[in-house]
Protein backbone atom coordinates (compact mmCIF):
# COMPACT_ATOMS: atom_id res chain seq x y z
CA MET A 1 -32.20 119.64 -45.35
CA ARG A 2 -34.99 119.47 -42.79
CA ARG A 3 -35.38 116.25 -40.86
CA THR A 4 -38.48 114.08 -41.23
CA VAL A 5 -39.91 113.13 -37.83
CA VAL A 6 -42.80 110.66 -37.59
CA VAL A 7 -44.85 110.95 -34.39
CA THR A 8 -47.53 108.41 -33.49
CA GLY A 9 -50.29 109.36 -31.08
CA ALA A 10 -49.73 112.89 -32.38
CA SER A 11 -53.28 114.21 -32.22
CA SER A 12 -53.25 114.95 -28.47
CA GLY A 13 -51.20 114.88 -25.27
CA ILE A 14 -47.47 114.23 -25.34
CA GLY A 15 -47.43 113.39 -29.03
CA LEU A 16 -49.03 116.66 -30.07
CA ALA A 17 -46.84 118.70 -27.70
CA ALA A 18 -43.72 117.02 -29.11
CA ALA A 19 -44.86 117.50 -32.71
CA VAL A 20 -45.46 121.21 -32.12
CA ALA A 21 -42.06 121.66 -30.44
CA LEU A 22 -40.20 119.78 -33.18
CA ALA A 23 -42.01 121.64 -35.96
CA ARG A 24 -41.26 124.96 -34.27
CA ALA A 25 -37.58 123.97 -34.22
CA GLY A 26 -37.64 123.36 -37.98
CA ASP A 27 -38.37 119.66 -38.44
CA ASP A 28 -40.91 118.35 -40.93
CA VAL A 29 -43.23 116.38 -38.70
CA VAL A 30 -45.49 113.57 -39.87
CA LEU A 31 -48.54 113.13 -37.66
CA LEU A 32 -50.29 109.83 -36.98
CA GLY A 33 -53.54 109.70 -35.04
CA ARG A 34 -56.70 107.66 -34.67
CA ASP A 35 -59.40 110.35 -34.49
CA PRO A 36 -59.86 112.38 -37.72
CA GLN A 37 -61.15 115.53 -36.02
CA ARG A 38 -58.38 115.65 -33.44
CA LEU A 39 -55.84 114.91 -36.15
CA GLU A 40 -57.15 117.82 -38.21
CA ALA A 41 -56.85 120.10 -35.18
CA ALA A 42 -53.29 118.89 -34.58
CA VAL A 43 -52.38 119.67 -38.18
CA ALA A 44 -53.67 123.22 -37.66
CA GLN A 45 -51.55 123.67 -34.52
CA VAL A 46 -48.39 122.47 -36.23
CA ARG A 47 -49.09 124.65 -39.26
CA GLU A 48 -49.53 127.66 -37.00
CA VAL A 49 -46.07 127.33 -35.41
CA SER A 50 -44.15 126.22 -38.52
CA GLY A 51 -45.87 127.91 -41.42
CA ARG A 52 -46.03 124.53 -43.18
CA THR A 53 -48.86 122.01 -43.39
CA PRO A 54 -47.56 118.71 -41.99
CA ALA A 55 -48.27 115.34 -43.55
CA SER A 56 -50.87 113.45 -41.52
CA TYR A 57 -52.20 109.90 -41.57
CA ARG A 58 -55.11 108.29 -39.77
CA ALA A 59 -54.60 104.80 -38.36
CA ASP A 60 -55.97 102.78 -35.47
CA PHE A 61 -53.18 100.67 -33.98
CA ALA A 62 -55.83 98.27 -32.67
CA VAL A 63 -56.12 97.10 -36.29
CA LEU A 64 -52.83 95.76 -37.65
CA ASP A 65 -54.00 96.04 -41.24
CA GLU A 66 -54.33 99.79 -40.69
CA VAL A 67 -50.76 99.89 -39.35
CA ARG A 68 -49.58 98.02 -42.44
CA ALA A 69 -51.41 100.44 -44.69
CA VAL A 70 -50.10 103.56 -42.97
CA GLY A 71 -46.56 102.16 -42.91
CA ALA A 72 -46.73 101.55 -46.65
CA ALA A 73 -48.15 105.05 -47.23
CA ILE A 74 -45.44 106.78 -45.21
CA ALA A 75 -42.71 104.75 -46.92
CA ALA A 76 -44.15 105.68 -50.32
CA ASP A 77 -44.41 109.39 -49.50
CA HIS A 78 -41.10 109.86 -47.67
CA GLU A 79 -37.69 108.70 -48.84
CA ARG A 80 -36.23 108.96 -45.36
CA VAL A 81 -37.32 109.06 -41.74
CA ASP A 82 -34.82 110.68 -39.42
CA VAL A 83 -36.81 110.09 -36.22
CA LEU A 84 -39.63 107.72 -35.39
CA ALA A 85 -41.40 108.55 -32.13
CA ASN A 86 -43.45 105.53 -31.04
CA ASN A 87 -45.78 107.36 -28.70
CA ALA A 88 -49.29 105.98 -29.43
CA GLY A 89 -50.80 104.43 -26.34
CA LEU A 90 -53.95 103.74 -24.38
CA LEU A 91 -55.36 102.09 -21.29
CA THR A 92 -58.45 100.08 -22.10
CA SER A 93 -60.60 97.11 -21.16
CA VAL A 94 -59.23 93.57 -21.26
CA ARG A 95 -62.67 92.07 -21.93
CA ARG A 96 -62.36 91.90 -25.69
CA PRO A 97 -59.27 91.15 -27.74
CA THR A 98 -58.61 93.04 -30.94
CA GLY A 99 -59.69 91.65 -34.29
CA ASP A 100 -56.11 90.43 -34.62
CA GLY A 101 -56.59 88.32 -31.49
CA HIS A 102 -54.38 90.29 -29.09
CA ASP A 103 -54.90 92.15 -25.84
CA ALA A 104 -55.94 95.63 -26.99
CA THR A 105 -53.62 97.60 -24.72
CA VAL A 106 -50.57 95.50 -25.60
CA GLN A 107 -51.39 95.68 -29.31
CA VAL A 108 -51.77 99.47 -29.40
CA ASN A 109 -48.91 100.25 -27.02
CA HIS A 110 -46.40 97.67 -28.27
CA LEU A 111 -47.29 95.54 -31.28
CA GLY A 112 -48.59 98.39 -33.42
CA GLY A 113 -45.47 100.50 -32.89
CA PHE A 114 -43.24 97.46 -33.29
CA LEU A 115 -44.86 96.69 -36.65
CA LEU A 116 -44.61 100.30 -37.84
CA THR A 117 -40.92 100.36 -36.90
CA GLN A 118 -40.30 97.23 -38.97
CA LEU A 119 -42.13 98.77 -41.93
CA LEU A 120 -40.12 102.00 -41.74
CA LEU A 121 -36.74 100.37 -41.10
CA ASP A 122 -35.52 101.00 -44.65
CA ARG A 123 -36.49 104.67 -44.38
CA LEU A 124 -34.64 104.98 -41.07
CA ARG A 125 -31.57 103.38 -42.64
CA ALA A 126 -31.80 105.80 -45.56
CA ALA A 127 -31.67 108.74 -43.17
CA ALA A 128 -28.81 107.47 -41.02
CA THR A 129 -25.32 108.94 -41.43
CA PRO A 130 -22.22 108.60 -39.22
CA GLU A 131 -22.62 112.24 -38.18
CA ALA A 132 -26.40 112.07 -37.62
CA PRO A 133 -27.83 108.64 -36.75
CA ALA A 134 -31.51 107.99 -37.24
CA ARG A 135 -33.45 107.74 -33.98
CA ILE A 136 -36.28 105.64 -32.58
CA VAL A 137 -37.83 107.11 -29.42
CA THR A 138 -40.46 105.07 -27.57
CA THR A 139 -42.71 106.27 -24.77
CA SER A 140 -42.62 103.84 -21.86
CA SER A 141 -43.66 104.15 -18.23
CA LEU A 142 -42.86 103.37 -14.62
CA ALA A 143 -45.75 100.90 -14.96
CA GLU A 144 -43.28 98.45 -16.50
CA ALA A 145 -42.43 97.49 -12.92
CA TRP A 146 -45.75 95.66 -12.45
CA GLY A 147 -46.05 94.32 -15.98
CA THR A 148 -47.09 90.67 -16.40
CA LEU A 149 -45.59 90.24 -19.85
CA ASP A 150 -45.27 86.79 -21.39
CA VAL A 151 -42.41 87.44 -23.82
CA ASP A 152 -43.28 84.34 -25.83
CA ARG A 153 -46.97 85.32 -26.15
CA PRO A 154 -47.06 89.13 -25.85
CA GLY A 155 -50.63 89.48 -27.04
CA ARG A 156 -52.16 87.00 -24.62
CA ARG A 157 -55.18 88.10 -22.59
CA GLN A 158 -54.36 89.99 -19.39
CA PHE A 159 -56.39 89.88 -16.17
CA SER A 160 -56.70 93.64 -15.68
CA ARG A 161 -56.14 96.74 -17.75
CA TRP A 162 -53.42 97.95 -15.40
CA LEU A 163 -51.52 94.67 -15.70
CA ALA A 164 -51.94 94.93 -19.48
CA TYR A 165 -50.64 98.49 -19.44
CA GLY A 166 -47.63 97.44 -17.38
CA ALA A 167 -46.96 94.55 -19.75
CA SER A 168 -47.04 96.88 -22.75
CA LYS A 169 -44.64 99.33 -21.13
CA GLN A 170 -42.28 96.49 -20.22
CA ALA A 171 -42.42 95.47 -23.87
CA ASN A 172 -41.50 99.01 -24.93
CA ILE A 173 -38.24 98.88 -22.98
CA LEU A 174 -37.39 95.36 -24.10
CA MET A 175 -38.00 96.38 -27.72
CA THR A 176 -35.61 99.29 -27.24
CA VAL A 177 -32.93 97.02 -25.77
CA GLU A 178 -33.14 94.60 -28.70
CA ALA A 179 -33.40 97.33 -31.34
CA ALA A 180 -30.21 98.83 -29.95
CA ARG A 181 -28.46 95.48 -30.21
CA ARG A 182 -29.63 94.89 -33.77
CA TRP A 183 -29.56 98.34 -35.32
CA THR A 184 -26.94 100.55 -33.66
CA GLY A 185 -24.43 99.26 -36.19
CA LEU A 186 -26.76 100.41 -38.97
CA GLY A 187 -26.71 103.96 -37.64
CA ILE A 188 -30.07 103.77 -35.86
CA VAL A 189 -30.16 104.68 -32.16
CA ALA A 190 -33.12 103.39 -30.14
CA THR A 191 -34.02 104.94 -26.79
CA CYS A 192 -37.10 105.14 -24.58
CA PHE A 193 -38.34 107.31 -21.76
CA PHE A 194 -40.81 107.72 -18.90
CA PRO A 195 -42.63 111.07 -19.28
CA GLY A 196 -44.02 111.15 -15.76
CA LEU A 197 -47.70 111.26 -14.91
CA ILE A 198 -49.36 113.53 -17.43
CA ARG A 199 -52.44 115.75 -17.18
CA SER A 200 -54.15 114.71 -20.43
CA GLY A 201 -57.07 112.66 -21.74
CA PHE A 202 -55.25 109.42 -20.97
CA GLY A 203 -56.92 107.03 -18.53
CA LEU A 204 -60.16 109.01 -18.23
CA ARG A 205 -62.10 105.91 -17.20
CA SER A 206 -59.85 105.26 -14.22
CA PRO A 207 -61.23 107.04 -11.10
CA VAL A 208 -57.87 106.94 -9.28
CA PHE A 209 -56.03 108.27 -12.31
CA THR A 210 -58.58 111.05 -12.80
CA LEU A 211 -58.53 112.17 -9.14
CA GLY A 212 -54.75 112.60 -9.17
CA LYS A 213 -54.53 114.62 -12.35
CA SER A 214 -54.36 117.99 -10.63
CA PHE A 215 -50.89 116.96 -9.40
CA PHE A 216 -49.66 115.68 -12.75
CA ARG A 217 -47.35 117.27 -15.32
CA THR A 218 -48.49 119.08 -18.44
CA SER A 219 -48.20 117.44 -21.84
CA GLU A 220 -45.46 119.92 -22.74
CA GLN A 221 -43.47 118.94 -19.66
CA GLY A 222 -43.95 115.27 -20.46
CA ALA A 223 -42.88 115.78 -24.07
CA ASP A 224 -39.66 117.54 -23.11
CA THR A 225 -37.62 114.33 -22.81
CA LEU A 226 -39.05 112.99 -26.08
CA VAL A 227 -37.96 116.17 -27.87
CA TRP A 228 -34.53 115.97 -26.24
CA LEU A 229 -34.10 112.33 -27.27
CA ALA A 230 -35.14 113.25 -30.81
CA THR A 231 -32.70 116.14 -31.16
CA ASP A 232 -29.77 116.33 -28.76
CA PRO A 233 -26.43 114.62 -29.55
CA ALA A 234 -26.05 113.87 -25.83
CA ALA A 235 -29.17 111.69 -26.05
CA LEU A 236 -27.60 109.22 -28.50
CA VAL A 237 -27.33 106.40 -25.97
CA PRO A 238 -28.33 103.09 -27.62
CA GLY A 239 -30.85 101.24 -25.46
CA GLY A 240 -31.05 104.11 -22.98
CA TYR A 241 -34.08 104.65 -20.73
CA PHE A 242 -34.61 108.19 -19.46
CA ALA A 243 -36.83 110.44 -17.37
CA CYS A 244 -36.42 114.22 -17.18
CA ARG A 245 -33.44 113.94 -19.55
CA THR A 246 -31.66 111.72 -17.03
CA PRO A 247 -30.92 107.97 -17.13
CA PHE A 248 -33.71 106.12 -15.36
CA ALA A 249 -33.61 102.65 -13.81
CA ALA A 250 -35.92 99.93 -15.11
CA THR A 251 -36.54 96.53 -13.57
CA GLY A 252 -34.34 93.62 -14.59
CA ARG A 253 -37.24 91.97 -16.39
CA SER A 254 -37.44 94.96 -18.73
CA THR A 255 -33.72 95.07 -19.52
CA ASP A 256 -32.85 91.36 -19.73
CA PRO A 257 -31.25 90.82 -23.18
CA ALA A 258 -32.49 87.22 -23.38
CA ARG A 259 -36.08 88.27 -22.72
CA ALA A 260 -35.69 91.09 -25.24
CA ARG A 261 -34.62 88.65 -27.96
CA ARG A 262 -37.49 86.29 -27.22
CA LEU A 263 -40.01 89.12 -27.25
CA TRP A 264 -38.66 90.39 -30.57
CA GLN A 265 -39.13 87.02 -32.24
CA SER A 266 -42.59 86.44 -30.78
CA SER A 267 -43.64 89.99 -31.73
CA LEU A 268 -42.55 89.38 -35.32
CA ARG A 269 -44.77 86.31 -35.37
CA ALA A 270 -47.65 88.18 -33.73
CA VAL A 271 -47.66 90.92 -36.38
CA GLY A 272 -47.04 88.55 -39.28
CA GLN A 273 -43.59 89.80 -40.24
CA VAL A 274 -41.04 87.49 -41.82
CA THR A 275 -37.97 87.00 -39.64
CA ASN A 276 -34.61 87.98 -41.12
CA PRO A 277 -31.26 89.02 -39.59
CA LEU A 278 -31.99 92.75 -39.85
CA ARG A 279 -35.62 92.76 -38.78
């Protein structure tokens, strides 16, 4: 039986490169993206390497109702999810909060993926076996080191987009730490990774980021660790944080179990999910 792998942010960059690699290896990939035209092009690329047309869904993670709708649609269409790759991300202005009242970068990079994970938890559990655990792989960043994350109010307004980005990446690691504590016993292994600095469309409005792109890695190089975490038995390290397929050190603020638990509870409140022992 082919595995079902859900990839968010799959219409470009690391997400698309990972989806293509996983489809080429034989997985049934499910693509999530925000832009319909790019998503259509991504579907064509995956079909070209796999000979199968992948399922695709459009959703903007800056709108939590769209995340709820796409989570319900995926759960209805797929009985199991073997791998969830939480890769959607952006770097955007802090001037305007989302319609849900949260910092836009933190919502897209953390709260949207957190909500989708909650909505697909039953499908991940359905896929998990003792021999082949289900996997959650989240794209984080070295930027977690300068994150100004309030774990009790994760969606609060940030003072700059770079601080917001760092806060969201700190949240990604903390979510992984707490997911590992809660769900490893259910057969679900949560990990995260830093892909390096990637030569893609990310951060186009940042002059410094744009000037340095000639020295950055390709999307395929950045996706390599994601693909490894999604496939290799050696990557089944609950709560692990990696770069270049190697354990990578995060700051203490991003790995503190107490902060992780507080963030989990506040994130549940922020996305309107009911708290229970499993979620």
